[in-house]
Amino acid sequence: MKKRRSTLILIILLPFIPVIMYATKIGKTLEYKTIDWRFRVRGESLVSENVFIAAMDDYSIDLIGRWPWRRGIIGSFINTLSVLPPQQMVLDILYTETSADFPIDDRLLAGASARNGRVYFPFLSLLGAPVFGIESLDDMLDPVKEIMLKSSLGKVEDYPEVDFIDAQTVLPPISQFAQVAKNSGYVNSEPDSDGVNRRIPLLMKMDGYIFPYLGLSAALDYLD
């Protein structure tokens, strides 16, 4: 009799377990842990031989110095790689303000990018209530507005069935870099509730337009 009663209570409570887990965020925590575990089991995935990642590491810091590096150094790096030349050069570095200490470096980086003609400069998209940044493309300088429109994949109204993540404001590259950029895209992502970045939204909307993640923007151009 007692066993039947326990079984009955369990059957009654069973449908409420997912609700309780969701309300207490236990379910989300378990999901995050299983995602981490699955990625560890999978191991590192191979990068295409068509992609070369030039990353800042301990060796480069010992050689060049602490980050951030002067923009002239990045320009020299672009000049060096331009000899190859790569089909695309995607800078995962935000340049949303002019260089106050070394203004000549902006010209050096812009010049190297213009000669290369394949350099991507990213922008930062900001979610939530607008605190800073630009809320409308009409408020941007012409070169910046042009590269933003070029990176756009169309208007939101053309895809009424899609619920895009909404960016309230953006911090675009400065006009010197925008006018020499091949294309652009956003580079930020929102962490999960435990503070870990596990996923990147490939598309966001802002001011009625759809914008791609920087890597997606470059991939679409490469496949075009």
N, C-alpha and C. Protein backbone atom coordinates (compact mmCIF):
# COMPACT_ATOMS: atom_id res chain seq x y z
N MET A 1 0.84 -1.20 0.00
CA MET A 1 0.00 0.00 0.00
C MET A 1 0.88 1.26 0.00
N LYS A 2 1.91 1.25 0.85
CA LYS A 2 2.80 2.40 0.94
C LYS A 2 3.57 2.60 -0.37
N LYS A 3 3.95 1.47 -1.02
CA LYS A 3 4.66 1.54 -2.28
C LYS A 3 3.79 2.12 -3.37
N ARG A 4 2.50 1.73 -3.38
CA ARG A 4 1.56 2.27 -4.38
C ARG A 4 1.38 3.77 -4.18
N ARG A 5 1.31 4.18 -2.91
CA ARG A 5 1.11 5.60 -2.62
C ARG A 5 2.32 6.42 -3.11
N SER A 6 3.53 5.89 -2.88
CA SER A 6 4.74 6.58 -3.33
C SER A 6 4.78 6.68 -4.84
N THR A 7 4.38 5.59 -5.51
CA THR A 7 4.34 5.59 -6.98
C THR A 7 3.34 6.61 -7.50
N LEU A 8 2.17 6.70 -6.83
CA LEU A 8 1.13 7.64 -7.23
C LEU A 8 1.60 9.09 -7.06
N ILE A 9 2.27 9.35 -5.94
CA ILE A 9 2.80 10.71 -5.69
C ILE A 9 3.83 11.07 -6.75
N LEU A 10 4.67 10.09 -7.10
CA LEU A 10 5.69 10.33 -8.12
C LEU A 10 5.06 10.64 -9.47
N ILE A 11 4.00 9.91 -9.82
CA ILE A 11 3.32 10.13 -11.09
C ILE A 11 2.68 11.51 -11.13
N ILE A 12 2.14 11.92 -9.99
CA ILE A 12 1.49 13.24 -9.91
C ILE A 12 2.54 14.35 -10.03
N LEU A 13 3.69 14.17 -9.40
CA LEU A 13 4.72 15.21 -9.39
C LEU A 13 5.54 15.26 -10.68
N LEU A 14 5.58 14.16 -11.41
CA LEU A 14 6.43 14.06 -12.59
C LEU A 14 6.23 15.20 -13.59
N PRO A 15 4.96 15.55 -13.94
CA PRO A 15 4.78 16.65 -14.91
C PRO A 15 5.28 18.01 -14.42
N PHE A 16 5.40 18.16 -13.08
CA PHE A 16 5.81 19.45 -12.53
C PHE A 16 7.33 19.59 -12.42
N ILE A 17 8.05 18.50 -12.59
CA ILE A 17 9.51 18.55 -12.45
C ILE A 17 10.15 19.50 -13.46
N PRO A 18 9.78 19.43 -14.78
CA PRO A 18 10.37 20.40 -15.72
C PRO A 18 10.06 21.85 -15.36
N VAL A 19 8.83 22.10 -14.85
CA VAL A 19 8.45 23.46 -14.47
C VAL A 19 9.30 23.94 -13.30
N ILE A 20 9.50 23.06 -12.31
CA ILE A 20 10.31 23.42 -11.15
C ILE A 20 11.75 23.67 -11.56
N MET A 21 12.26 22.81 -12.45
CA MET A 21 13.65 22.97 -12.91
C MET A 21 13.82 24.28 -13.66
N TYR A 22 12.82 24.64 -14.47
CA TYR A 22 12.90 25.89 -15.23
C TYR A 22 12.82 27.09 -14.30
N ALA A 23 11.91 27.02 -13.32
CA ALA A 23 11.71 28.15 -12.40
C ALA A 23 12.93 28.38 -11.52
N THR A 24 13.63 27.31 -11.16
CA THR A 24 14.80 27.43 -10.28
C THR A 24 16.12 27.49 -11.05
N LYS A 25 16.03 27.49 -12.37
CA LYS A 25 17.20 27.55 -13.26
C LYS A 25 18.10 26.32 -13.16
N ILE A 26 17.59 25.27 -12.49
CA ILE A 26 18.37 24.04 -12.40
C ILE A 26 18.51 23.42 -13.79
N GLY A 27 17.42 23.48 -14.56
CA GLY A 27 17.44 22.91 -15.90
C GLY A 27 18.47 23.57 -16.79
N LYS A 28 18.55 24.91 -16.72
CA LYS A 28 19.52 25.64 -17.52
C LYS A 28 20.94 25.28 -17.13
N THR A 29 21.18 25.18 -15.83
CA THR A 29 22.51 24.82 -15.35
C THR A 29 22.92 23.45 -15.84
N LEU A 30 21.99 22.49 -15.79
CA LEU A 30 22.27 21.15 -16.28
C LEU A 30 22.54 21.15 -17.78
N GLU A 31 21.76 21.97 -18.50
CA GLU A 31 21.98 22.06 -19.95
C GLU A 31 23.36 22.61 -20.26
N TYR A 32 23.77 23.67 -19.56
CA TYR A 32 25.07 24.27 -19.79
C TYR A 32 26.19 23.27 -19.50
N LYS A 33 26.05 22.51 -18.40
CA LYS A 33 27.09 21.54 -18.03
C LYS A 33 27.18 20.42 -19.06
N THR A 34 26.03 19.97 -19.58
CA THR A 34 26.06 18.90 -20.58
C THR A 34 26.64 19.41 -21.91
N ILE A 35 26.37 20.69 -22.24
CA ILE A 35 26.98 21.28 -23.45
C ILE A 35 28.49 21.30 -23.31
N ASP A 36 28.98 21.77 -22.15
CA ASP A 36 30.42 21.80 -21.91
C ASP A 36 31.02 20.41 -22.01
N TRP A 37 30.33 19.43 -21.42
CA TRP A 37 30.82 18.05 -21.45
C TRP A 37 30.85 17.50 -22.87
N ARG A 38 29.80 17.79 -23.66
CA ARG A 38 29.74 17.29 -25.03
C ARG A 38 30.87 17.88 -25.89
N PHE A 39 31.18 19.15 -25.68
CA PHE A 39 32.27 19.76 -26.43
C PHE A 39 33.62 19.17 -26.03
N ARG A 40 33.79 18.86 -24.74
CA ARG A 40 35.05 18.24 -24.30
C ARG A 40 35.21 16.85 -24.91
N VAL A 41 34.10 16.11 -24.96
CA VAL A 41 34.12 14.77 -25.55
C VAL A 41 34.42 14.85 -27.05
N ARG A 42 33.82 15.83 -27.72
CA ARG A 42 34.04 15.98 -29.16
C ARG A 42 35.48 16.35 -29.47
N GLY A 43 36.09 17.16 -28.61
CA GLY A 43 37.44 17.62 -28.86
C GLY A 43 37.46 18.79 -29.83
N GLU A 44 38.64 19.26 -30.15
CA GLU A 44 38.77 20.40 -31.06
C GLU A 44 38.43 19.98 -32.49
N SER A 45 37.70 20.84 -33.18
CA SER A 45 37.38 20.58 -34.57
C SER A 45 38.48 21.16 -35.46
N LEU A 46 38.70 20.52 -36.59
CA LEU A 46 39.74 20.97 -37.50
C LEU A 46 39.33 22.26 -38.19
N VAL A 47 40.27 23.18 -38.31
CA VAL A 47 40.03 24.44 -39.03
C VAL A 47 40.38 24.22 -40.50
N SER A 48 39.58 24.79 -41.38
CA SER A 48 39.85 24.67 -42.81
C SER A 48 41.25 25.15 -43.14
N GLU A 49 41.90 24.47 -44.06
CA GLU A 49 43.24 24.88 -44.48
C GLU A 49 43.22 26.22 -45.22
N ASN A 50 42.00 26.68 -45.56
CA ASN A 50 41.86 27.98 -46.21
C ASN A 50 41.83 29.13 -45.21
N VAL A 51 41.81 28.77 -43.92
CA VAL A 51 41.72 29.79 -42.86
C VAL A 51 43.01 29.80 -42.05
N PHE A 52 43.60 30.97 -41.90
CA PHE A 52 44.79 31.14 -41.08
C PHE A 52 44.46 32.12 -39.96
N ILE A 53 44.64 31.70 -38.72
CA ILE A 53 44.32 32.55 -37.57
C ILE A 53 45.62 33.13 -37.01
N ALA A 54 45.74 34.42 -37.07
CA ALA A 54 46.88 35.12 -36.49
C ALA A 54 46.44 35.68 -35.14
N ALA A 55 46.80 35.00 -34.06
CA ALA A 55 46.31 35.36 -32.74
C ALA A 55 47.40 35.99 -31.89
N MET A 56 47.00 36.79 -30.94
CA MET A 56 47.93 37.37 -29.98
C MET A 56 48.22 36.31 -28.91
N ASP A 57 49.48 35.95 -28.74
CA ASP A 57 49.86 34.94 -27.75
C ASP A 57 51.02 35.45 -26.91
N ASP A 58 51.51 34.60 -26.03
CA ASP A 58 52.61 35.01 -25.14
C ASP A 58 53.85 35.41 -25.92
N TYR A 59 54.13 34.66 -26.99
CA TYR A 59 55.33 34.96 -27.79
C TYR A 59 55.24 36.34 -28.42
N SER A 60 54.06 36.66 -29.01
CA SER A 60 53.91 37.96 -29.65
C SER A 60 53.92 39.09 -28.64
N ILE A 61 53.40 38.83 -27.44
CA ILE A 61 53.45 39.86 -26.39
C ILE A 61 54.90 40.11 -25.96
N ASP A 62 55.68 39.03 -25.83
CA ASP A 62 57.09 39.19 -25.48
C ASP A 62 57.84 39.94 -26.57
N LEU A 63 57.44 39.73 -27.82
CA LEU A 63 58.15 40.32 -28.95
C LEU A 63 57.77 41.78 -29.18
N ILE A 64 56.44 42.06 -29.08
CA ILE A 64 55.93 43.39 -29.44
C ILE A 64 55.59 44.23 -28.22
N GLY A 65 55.11 43.57 -27.18
CA GLY A 65 54.71 44.32 -25.99
C GLY A 65 53.26 44.04 -25.63
N ARG A 66 52.83 44.62 -24.54
CA ARG A 66 51.48 44.38 -24.04
C ARG A 66 50.43 44.96 -24.98
N TRP A 67 49.25 44.32 -24.94
CA TRP A 67 48.10 44.81 -25.69
C TRP A 67 47.49 46.00 -24.96
N PRO A 68 46.93 47.00 -25.68
CA PRO A 68 46.77 47.07 -27.14
C PRO A 68 48.03 47.53 -27.86
N TRP A 69 48.22 46.98 -29.04
CA TRP A 69 49.34 47.40 -29.87
C TRP A 69 48.96 48.63 -30.67
N ARG A 70 49.95 49.41 -31.03
CA ARG A 70 49.69 50.58 -31.86
C ARG A 70 49.12 50.16 -33.21
N ARG A 71 48.27 51.01 -33.74
CA ARG A 71 47.60 50.68 -35.00
C ARG A 71 48.58 50.62 -36.17
N GLY A 72 49.69 51.34 -36.04
CA GLY A 72 50.71 51.26 -37.06
C GLY A 72 51.30 49.86 -37.16
N ILE A 73 51.36 49.15 -36.03
CA ILE A 73 51.87 47.78 -36.03
C ILE A 73 50.91 46.87 -36.78
N ILE A 74 49.61 47.07 -36.55
CA ILE A 74 48.61 46.27 -37.27
C ILE A 74 48.69 46.58 -38.76
N GLY A 75 48.94 47.84 -39.10
CA GLY A 75 49.09 48.22 -40.50
C GLY A 75 50.29 47.53 -41.13
N SER A 76 51.40 47.45 -40.40
CA SER A 76 52.60 46.76 -40.90
C SER A 76 52.31 45.27 -41.08
N PHE A 77 51.53 44.73 -40.19
CA PHE A 77 51.14 43.31 -40.28
C PHE A 77 50.33 43.08 -41.56
N ILE A 78 49.41 43.99 -41.85
CA ILE A 78 48.61 43.88 -43.08
C ILE A 78 49.51 44.00 -44.31
N ASN A 79 50.45 44.93 -44.29
CA ASN A 79 51.38 45.08 -45.41
C ASN A 79 52.18 43.80 -45.65
N THR A 80 52.62 43.16 -44.55
CA THR A 80 53.40 41.94 -44.68
C THR A 80 52.58 40.81 -45.29
N LEU A 81 51.36 40.64 -44.80
CA LEU A 81 50.50 39.56 -45.31
C LEU A 81 50.00 39.85 -46.73
N SER A 82 49.97 41.11 -47.10
CA SER A 82 49.48 41.46 -48.44
C SER A 82 50.36 40.91 -49.55
N VAL A 83 51.58 40.53 -49.21
CA VAL A 83 52.48 39.95 -50.21
C VAL A 83 51.95 38.60 -50.69
N LEU A 84 51.17 37.90 -49.86
CA LEU A 84 50.75 36.53 -50.18
C LEU A 84 49.91 36.42 -51.46
N PRO A 85 48.82 37.11 -51.73
CA PRO A 85 47.98 37.89 -50.79
C PRO A 85 46.77 37.04 -50.37
N PRO A 86 46.24 37.23 -49.18
CA PRO A 86 45.03 36.51 -48.77
C PRO A 86 43.79 37.06 -49.45
N GLN A 87 42.78 36.21 -49.60
CA GLN A 87 41.53 36.67 -50.22
C GLN A 87 40.78 37.63 -49.30
N GLN A 88 40.92 37.40 -48.00
CA GLN A 88 40.25 38.25 -47.02
C GLN A 88 41.13 38.41 -45.79
N MET A 89 41.04 39.55 -45.16
CA MET A 89 41.71 39.79 -43.88
C MET A 89 40.66 40.33 -42.91
N VAL A 90 40.30 39.52 -41.95
CA VAL A 90 39.21 39.87 -41.03
C VAL A 90 39.82 40.28 -39.69
N LEU A 91 39.72 41.54 -39.36
CA LEU A 91 40.25 42.05 -38.09
C LEU A 91 39.20 41.94 -37.00
N ASP A 92 39.47 41.12 -36.02
CA ASP A 92 38.56 40.99 -34.87
C ASP A 92 39.00 41.97 -33.80
N ILE A 93 39.15 43.23 -34.20
CA ILE A 93 39.60 44.30 -33.31
C ILE A 93 38.69 45.50 -33.52
N LEU A 94 38.18 46.07 -32.45
CA LEU A 94 37.30 47.22 -32.55
C LEU A 94 38.11 48.52 -32.56
N TYR A 95 37.86 49.32 -33.58
CA TYR A 95 38.46 50.67 -33.67
C TYR A 95 37.32 51.67 -33.79
N THR A 96 36.69 51.96 -32.67
CA THR A 96 35.51 52.82 -32.66
C THR A 96 35.85 54.27 -32.32
N GLU A 97 37.11 54.54 -32.00
CA GLU A 97 37.55 55.90 -31.71
C GLU A 97 38.90 56.14 -32.38
N THR A 98 39.16 57.38 -32.70
CA THR A 98 40.46 57.71 -33.27
C THR A 98 41.55 57.54 -32.22
N SER A 99 42.78 57.31 -32.68
CA SER A 99 43.90 57.15 -31.76
C SER A 99 44.31 58.52 -31.22
N ALA A 100 44.11 58.71 -29.92
CA ALA A 100 44.42 60.01 -29.32
C ALA A 100 45.92 60.22 -29.17
N ASP A 101 46.66 59.16 -28.87
CA ASP A 101 48.09 59.29 -28.61
C ASP A 101 48.93 59.26 -29.88
N PHE A 102 48.48 58.49 -30.88
CA PHE A 102 49.26 58.35 -32.11
C PHE A 102 48.34 58.49 -33.33
N PRO A 103 47.88 59.71 -33.63
CA PRO A 103 46.93 59.90 -34.74
C PRO A 103 47.50 59.46 -36.09
N ILE A 104 48.82 59.50 -36.25
CA ILE A 104 49.41 59.07 -37.52
C ILE A 104 49.18 57.58 -37.75
N ASP A 105 49.00 56.82 -36.66
CA ASP A 105 48.76 55.38 -36.79
C ASP A 105 47.45 55.08 -37.50
N ASP A 106 46.45 55.96 -37.31
CA ASP A 106 45.18 55.76 -38.03
C ASP A 106 45.41 55.84 -39.53
N ARG A 107 46.24 56.78 -39.95
CA ARG A 107 46.53 56.92 -41.39
C ARG A 107 47.33 55.73 -41.90
N LEU A 108 48.24 55.23 -41.08
CA LEU A 108 49.05 54.08 -41.49
C LEU A 108 48.18 52.83 -41.66
N LEU A 109 47.30 52.61 -40.71
CA LEU A 109 46.41 51.44 -40.79
C LEU A 109 45.42 51.58 -41.93
N ALA A 110 44.86 52.78 -42.10
CA ALA A 110 43.92 53.02 -43.20
C ALA A 110 44.61 52.85 -44.55
N GLY A 111 45.85 53.33 -44.65
CA GLY A 111 46.59 53.21 -45.90
C GLY A 111 46.89 51.77 -46.25
N ALA A 112 47.32 50.99 -45.26
CA ALA A 112 47.61 49.58 -45.49
C ALA A 112 46.35 48.83 -45.89
N SER A 113 45.24 49.16 -45.25
CA SER A 113 43.96 48.50 -45.55
C SER A 113 43.47 48.86 -46.95
N ALA A 114 43.66 50.12 -47.34
CA ALA A 114 43.24 50.57 -48.67
C ALA A 114 44.05 49.87 -49.76
N ARG A 115 45.35 49.74 -49.54
CA ARG A 115 46.20 49.06 -50.53
C ARG A 115 45.85 47.58 -50.64
N ASN A 116 45.52 46.98 -49.51
CA ASN A 116 45.15 45.57 -49.52
C ASN A 116 43.79 45.36 -50.18
N GLY A 117 42.81 46.18 -49.78
CA GLY A 117 41.48 46.12 -50.37
C GLY A 117 40.62 44.96 -49.93
N ARG A 118 41.09 44.18 -48.96
CA ARG A 118 40.33 42.99 -48.54
C ARG A 118 40.13 42.93 -47.02
N VAL A 119 40.26 44.06 -46.36
CA VAL A 119 40.25 44.09 -44.90
C VAL A 119 38.83 44.36 -44.37
N TYR A 120 38.43 43.59 -43.38
CA TYR A 120 37.13 43.74 -42.73
C TYR A 120 37.33 44.40 -41.36
N PHE A 121 36.56 45.46 -41.12
CA PHE A 121 36.58 46.13 -39.82
C PHE A 121 35.24 45.90 -39.14
N PRO A 122 35.23 45.44 -37.89
CA PRO A 122 33.97 45.11 -37.23
C PRO A 122 33.33 46.29 -36.51
N PHE A 123 32.09 46.07 -36.08
CA PHE A 123 31.42 47.03 -35.20
C PHE A 123 30.85 46.28 -34.00
N LEU A 124 30.54 47.02 -32.97
CA LEU A 124 29.99 46.46 -31.73
C LEU A 124 28.50 46.74 -31.68
N SER A 125 27.71 45.71 -31.48
CA SER A 125 26.26 45.90 -31.35
C SER A 125 25.88 45.76 -29.88
N LEU A 126 25.06 46.69 -29.41
CA LEU A 126 24.71 46.74 -27.99
C LEU A 126 23.24 46.41 -27.80
N LEU A 127 22.98 45.45 -26.91
CA LEU A 127 21.62 45.04 -26.62
C LEU A 127 21.10 45.80 -25.40
N GLY A 128 19.80 45.67 -25.17
CA GLY A 128 19.20 46.32 -24.01
C GLY A 128 18.97 47.80 -24.22
N ALA A 129 18.67 48.49 -23.13
CA ALA A 129 18.37 49.91 -23.21
C ALA A 129 19.60 50.68 -23.68
N PRO A 130 19.41 51.61 -24.64
CA PRO A 130 20.56 52.36 -25.15
C PRO A 130 21.18 53.26 -24.09
N VAL A 131 22.47 53.04 -23.85
CA VAL A 131 23.22 53.85 -22.91
C VAL A 131 24.21 54.73 -23.66
N PHE A 132 24.89 54.14 -24.63
CA PHE A 132 25.79 54.89 -25.50
C PHE A 132 25.80 54.18 -26.85
N GLY A 133 26.43 54.81 -27.82
CA GLY A 133 26.43 54.25 -29.17
C GLY A 133 25.48 55.02 -30.07
N ILE A 134 25.37 54.57 -31.30
CA ILE A 134 24.53 55.23 -32.30
C ILE A 134 23.27 54.42 -32.52
N GLU A 135 22.13 55.09 -32.46
CA GLU A 135 20.84 54.41 -32.53
C GLU A 135 20.30 54.31 -33.95
N SER A 136 20.75 55.15 -34.85
CA SER A 136 20.20 55.18 -36.21
C SER A 136 21.31 55.34 -37.24
N LEU A 137 21.15 54.69 -38.38
CA LEU A 137 22.13 54.82 -39.45
C LEU A 137 22.20 56.25 -39.97
N ASP A 138 21.09 56.97 -39.85
CA ASP A 138 21.06 58.35 -40.33
C ASP A 138 21.94 59.27 -39.49
N ASP A 139 22.31 58.82 -38.30
CA ASP A 139 23.18 59.63 -37.43
C ASP A 139 24.66 59.37 -37.69
N MET A 140 24.98 58.51 -38.64
CA MET A 140 26.37 58.16 -38.93
C MET A 140 26.94 59.02 -40.05
N LEU A 141 28.26 59.19 -40.02
CA LEU A 141 28.93 59.84 -41.13
C LEU A 141 28.81 58.97 -42.38
N ASP A 142 28.88 59.59 -43.55
CA ASP A 142 28.61 58.87 -44.80
C ASP A 142 29.45 57.60 -44.98
N PRO A 143 30.79 57.63 -44.78
CA PRO A 143 31.56 56.40 -44.98
C PRO A 143 31.12 55.27 -44.04
N VAL A 144 30.77 55.64 -42.80
CA VAL A 144 30.34 54.64 -41.83
C VAL A 144 28.97 54.09 -42.21
N LYS A 145 28.07 54.97 -42.60
CA LYS A 145 26.74 54.53 -43.02
C LYS A 145 26.83 53.62 -44.24
N GLU A 146 27.72 53.94 -45.16
CA GLU A 146 27.86 53.14 -46.37
C GLU A 146 28.33 51.72 -46.06
N ILE A 147 29.31 51.58 -45.18
CA ILE A 147 29.81 50.24 -44.87
C ILE A 147 28.78 49.46 -44.05
N MET A 148 28.02 50.16 -43.22
CA MET A 148 26.95 49.49 -42.47
C MET A 148 25.87 48.97 -43.41
N LEU A 149 25.48 49.78 -44.36
CA LEU A 149 24.47 49.35 -45.33
C LEU A 149 25.01 48.23 -46.21
N LYS A 150 26.29 48.28 -46.54
CA LYS A 150 26.89 47.22 -47.35
C LYS A 150 26.88 45.90 -46.61
N SER A 151 27.14 45.94 -45.30
CA SER A 151 27.16 44.70 -44.51
C SER A 151 25.76 44.16 -44.24
N SER A 152 24.75 45.01 -44.36
CA SER A 152 23.38 44.59 -44.09
C SER A 152 22.92 43.51 -45.07
N LEU A 153 22.12 42.58 -44.57
CA LEU A 153 21.56 41.52 -45.41
C LEU A 153 20.13 41.79 -45.82
N GLY A 154 19.68 43.02 -45.62
CA GLY A 154 18.33 43.38 -46.01
C GLY A 154 17.57 44.02 -44.88
N LYS A 155 16.30 44.26 -45.11
CA LYS A 155 15.46 44.90 -44.10
C LYS A 155 14.65 43.86 -43.32
N VAL A 156 14.38 44.19 -42.08
CA VAL A 156 13.65 43.29 -41.20
C VAL A 156 12.25 43.03 -41.76
N GLU A 157 11.66 44.03 -42.37
CA GLU A 157 10.29 43.88 -42.89
C GLU A 157 10.18 42.82 -43.98
N ASP A 158 11.31 42.47 -44.59
CA ASP A 158 11.30 41.43 -45.63
C ASP A 158 11.23 40.03 -45.03
N TYR A 159 11.43 39.92 -43.72
CA TYR A 159 11.41 38.61 -43.05
C TYR A 159 10.51 38.69 -41.81
N PRO A 160 9.20 38.87 -42.02
CA PRO A 160 8.29 39.06 -40.87
C PRO A 160 8.18 37.83 -39.98
N GLU A 161 8.53 36.65 -40.51
CA GLU A 161 8.38 35.43 -39.72
C GLU A 161 9.57 35.16 -38.81
N VAL A 162 10.65 35.95 -38.94
CA VAL A 162 11.87 35.72 -38.17
C VAL A 162 11.95 36.69 -36.99
N ASP A 163 12.25 36.17 -35.82
CA ASP A 163 12.37 36.99 -34.62
C ASP A 163 13.86 37.24 -34.36
N PHE A 164 14.38 38.34 -34.90
CA PHE A 164 15.80 38.64 -34.76
C PHE A 164 16.10 39.24 -33.39
N ILE A 165 17.32 39.00 -32.91
CA ILE A 165 17.80 39.68 -31.71
C ILE A 165 17.93 41.16 -32.02
N ASP A 166 17.50 41.98 -31.09
CA ASP A 166 17.42 43.42 -31.33
C ASP A 166 18.60 44.15 -30.71
N ALA A 167 19.42 44.77 -31.54
CA ALA A 167 20.50 45.64 -31.05
C ALA A 167 19.99 47.07 -31.01
N GLN A 168 20.05 47.70 -29.86
CA GLN A 168 19.52 49.05 -29.70
C GLN A 168 20.46 50.11 -30.28
N THR A 169 21.76 49.90 -30.11
CA THR A 169 22.75 50.85 -30.62
C THR A 169 23.96 50.08 -31.14
N VAL A 170 24.80 50.76 -31.90
CA VAL A 170 26.05 50.16 -32.37
C VAL A 170 27.20 51.14 -32.20
N LEU A 171 28.39 50.60 -32.10
CA LEU A 171 29.62 51.39 -32.13
C LEU A 171 30.38 50.95 -33.38
N PRO A 172 30.31 51.75 -34.46
CA PRO A 172 30.94 51.37 -35.72
C PRO A 172 32.41 51.76 -35.76
N PRO A 173 33.15 51.26 -36.75
CA PRO A 173 34.54 51.71 -36.92
C PRO A 173 34.58 53.18 -37.32
N ILE A 174 35.70 53.83 -37.04
CA ILE A 174 35.81 55.25 -37.40
C ILE A 174 35.78 55.39 -38.92
N SER A 175 35.45 56.58 -39.38
CA SER A 175 35.22 56.80 -40.82
C SER A 175 36.46 56.48 -41.65
N GLN A 176 37.67 56.73 -41.11
CA GLN A 176 38.90 56.44 -41.85
C GLN A 176 38.99 54.96 -42.22
N PHE A 177 38.55 54.11 -41.31
CA PHE A 177 38.61 52.68 -41.56
C PHE A 177 37.37 52.19 -42.31
N ALA A 178 36.24 52.82 -42.04
CA ALA A 178 35.00 52.42 -42.72
C ALA A 178 35.11 52.61 -44.23
N GLN A 179 35.76 53.69 -44.65
CA GLN A 179 35.81 53.99 -46.09
C GLN A 179 36.80 53.12 -46.85
N VAL A 180 37.68 52.39 -46.13
CA VAL A 180 38.62 51.49 -46.81
C VAL A 180 38.29 50.01 -46.54
N ALA A 181 37.27 49.75 -45.74
CA ALA A 181 36.90 48.38 -45.40
C ALA A 181 36.23 47.69 -46.57
N LYS A 182 36.53 46.41 -46.75
CA LYS A 182 35.81 45.63 -47.75
C LYS A 182 34.39 45.37 -47.30
N ASN A 183 34.24 45.07 -46.01
CA ASN A 183 32.90 44.85 -45.44
C ASN A 183 33.02 44.88 -43.93
N SER A 184 31.90 44.60 -43.26
CA SER A 184 31.88 44.69 -41.82
C SER A 184 30.89 43.68 -41.24
N GLY A 185 30.78 43.66 -39.93
CA GLY A 185 29.86 42.80 -39.21
C GLY A 185 30.12 42.98 -37.73
N TYR A 186 29.19 42.53 -36.89
CA TYR A 186 29.39 42.72 -35.45
C TYR A 186 30.23 41.56 -34.89
N VAL A 187 30.86 41.79 -33.75
CA VAL A 187 31.78 40.79 -33.19
C VAL A 187 31.41 40.36 -31.77
N ASN A 188 30.43 40.97 -31.17
CA ASN A 188 30.14 40.63 -29.78
C ASN A 188 29.09 39.53 -29.68
N SER A 189 29.04 38.90 -28.52
CA SER A 189 28.04 37.88 -28.24
C SER A 189 27.56 38.04 -26.80
N GLU A 190 26.39 37.51 -26.51
CA GLU A 190 25.83 37.59 -25.17
C GLU A 190 26.15 36.30 -24.40
N PRO A 191 26.74 36.39 -23.21
CA PRO A 191 27.03 35.18 -22.44
C PRO A 191 25.75 34.55 -21.90
N ASP A 192 25.82 33.25 -21.59
CA ASP A 192 24.71 32.58 -20.92
C ASP A 192 24.59 33.10 -19.49
N SER A 193 23.56 32.68 -18.80
CA SER A 193 23.28 33.22 -17.47
C SER A 193 24.39 32.92 -16.45
N ASP A 194 25.25 31.94 -16.76
CA ASP A 194 26.37 31.64 -15.86
C ASP A 194 27.63 32.40 -16.23
N GLY A 195 27.51 33.33 -17.22
CA GLY A 195 28.63 34.17 -17.58
C GLY A 195 29.57 33.60 -18.62
N VAL A 196 29.24 32.44 -19.18
CA VAL A 196 30.12 31.78 -20.16
C VAL A 196 29.55 32.00 -21.57
N ASN A 197 30.43 32.34 -22.51
CA ASN A 197 30.03 32.48 -23.91
C ASN A 197 30.08 31.12 -24.60
N ARG A 198 28.92 30.61 -25.00
CA ARG A 198 28.85 29.31 -25.65
C ARG A 198 28.31 29.39 -27.07
N ARG A 199 27.69 30.48 -27.40
CA ARG A 199 27.04 30.58 -28.71
C ARG A 199 27.12 32.02 -29.20
N ILE A 200 27.03 32.16 -30.52
CA ILE A 200 27.08 33.47 -31.14
C ILE A 200 25.87 33.61 -32.06
N PRO A 201 25.03 34.62 -31.85
CA PRO A 201 23.92 34.84 -32.79
C PRO A 201 24.47 35.28 -34.14
N LEU A 202 24.07 34.62 -35.20
CA LEU A 202 24.60 34.94 -36.52
C LEU A 202 23.98 36.19 -37.12
N LEU A 203 22.79 36.57 -36.64
CA LEU A 203 22.11 37.73 -37.19
C LEU A 203 21.52 38.58 -36.07
N MET A 204 21.53 39.89 -36.27
CA MET A 204 20.88 40.83 -35.36
C MET A 204 20.19 41.90 -36.19
N LYS A 205 19.22 42.56 -35.59
CA LYS A 205 18.57 43.67 -36.28
C LYS A 205 18.86 44.97 -35.55
N MET A 206 18.89 46.04 -36.33
CA MET A 206 19.13 47.36 -35.76
C MET A 206 18.63 48.40 -36.74
N ASP A 207 17.78 49.30 -36.28
CA ASP A 207 17.26 50.38 -37.09
C ASP A 207 16.58 49.85 -38.36
N GLY A 208 15.92 48.70 -38.23
CA GLY A 208 15.15 48.15 -39.34
C GLY A 208 15.95 47.31 -40.32
N TYR A 209 17.26 47.16 -40.09
CA TYR A 209 18.12 46.38 -40.98
C TYR A 209 18.64 45.13 -40.27
N ILE A 210 19.00 44.12 -41.06
CA ILE A 210 19.56 42.88 -40.55
C ILE A 210 21.07 42.89 -40.76
N PHE A 211 21.81 42.60 -39.70
CA PHE A 211 23.26 42.61 -39.79
C PHE A 211 23.83 41.24 -39.39
N PRO A 212 24.88 40.80 -40.08
CA PRO A 212 25.48 39.50 -39.77
C PRO A 212 26.64 39.60 -38.80
N TYR A 213 26.95 38.49 -38.20
CA TYR A 213 28.17 38.37 -37.42
C TYR A 213 29.36 38.52 -38.37
N LEU A 214 30.47 39.06 -37.89
CA LEU A 214 31.61 39.36 -38.75
C LEU A 214 32.09 38.13 -39.53
N GLY A 215 32.19 37.00 -38.87
CA GLY A 215 32.62 35.78 -39.54
C GLY A 215 31.66 35.35 -40.63
N LEU A 216 30.35 35.51 -40.37
CA LEU A 216 29.35 35.17 -41.38
C LEU A 216 29.45 36.13 -42.56
N SER A 217 29.68 37.40 -42.30
CA SER A 217 29.82 38.39 -43.37
C SER A 217 30.97 38.01 -44.29
N ALA A 218 32.10 37.64 -43.70
CA ALA A 218 33.26 37.24 -44.51
C ALA A 218 33.00 35.95 -45.27
N ALA A 219 32.32 35.00 -44.62
CA ALA A 219 32.03 33.72 -45.27
C ALA A 219 31.09 33.92 -46.48
N LEU A 220 30.10 34.78 -46.32
CA LEU A 220 29.17 35.03 -47.43
C LEU A 220 29.89 35.67 -48.60
N ASP A 221 30.81 36.59 -48.32
CA ASP A 221 31.58 37.21 -49.40
C ASP A 221 32.49 36.18 -50.07
N TYR A 222 33.07 35.30 -49.26
CA TYR A 222 33.98 34.28 -49.80
C TYR A 222 33.26 33.31 -50.72
N LEU A 223 32.01 32.98 -50.35
CA LEU A 223 31.24 32.01 -51.13
C LEU A 223 30.49 32.65 -52.29
N ASP A 224 30.48 33.96 -52.33
CA ASP A 224 29.71 34.67 -53.38
C ASP A 224 30.41 34.50 -54.75
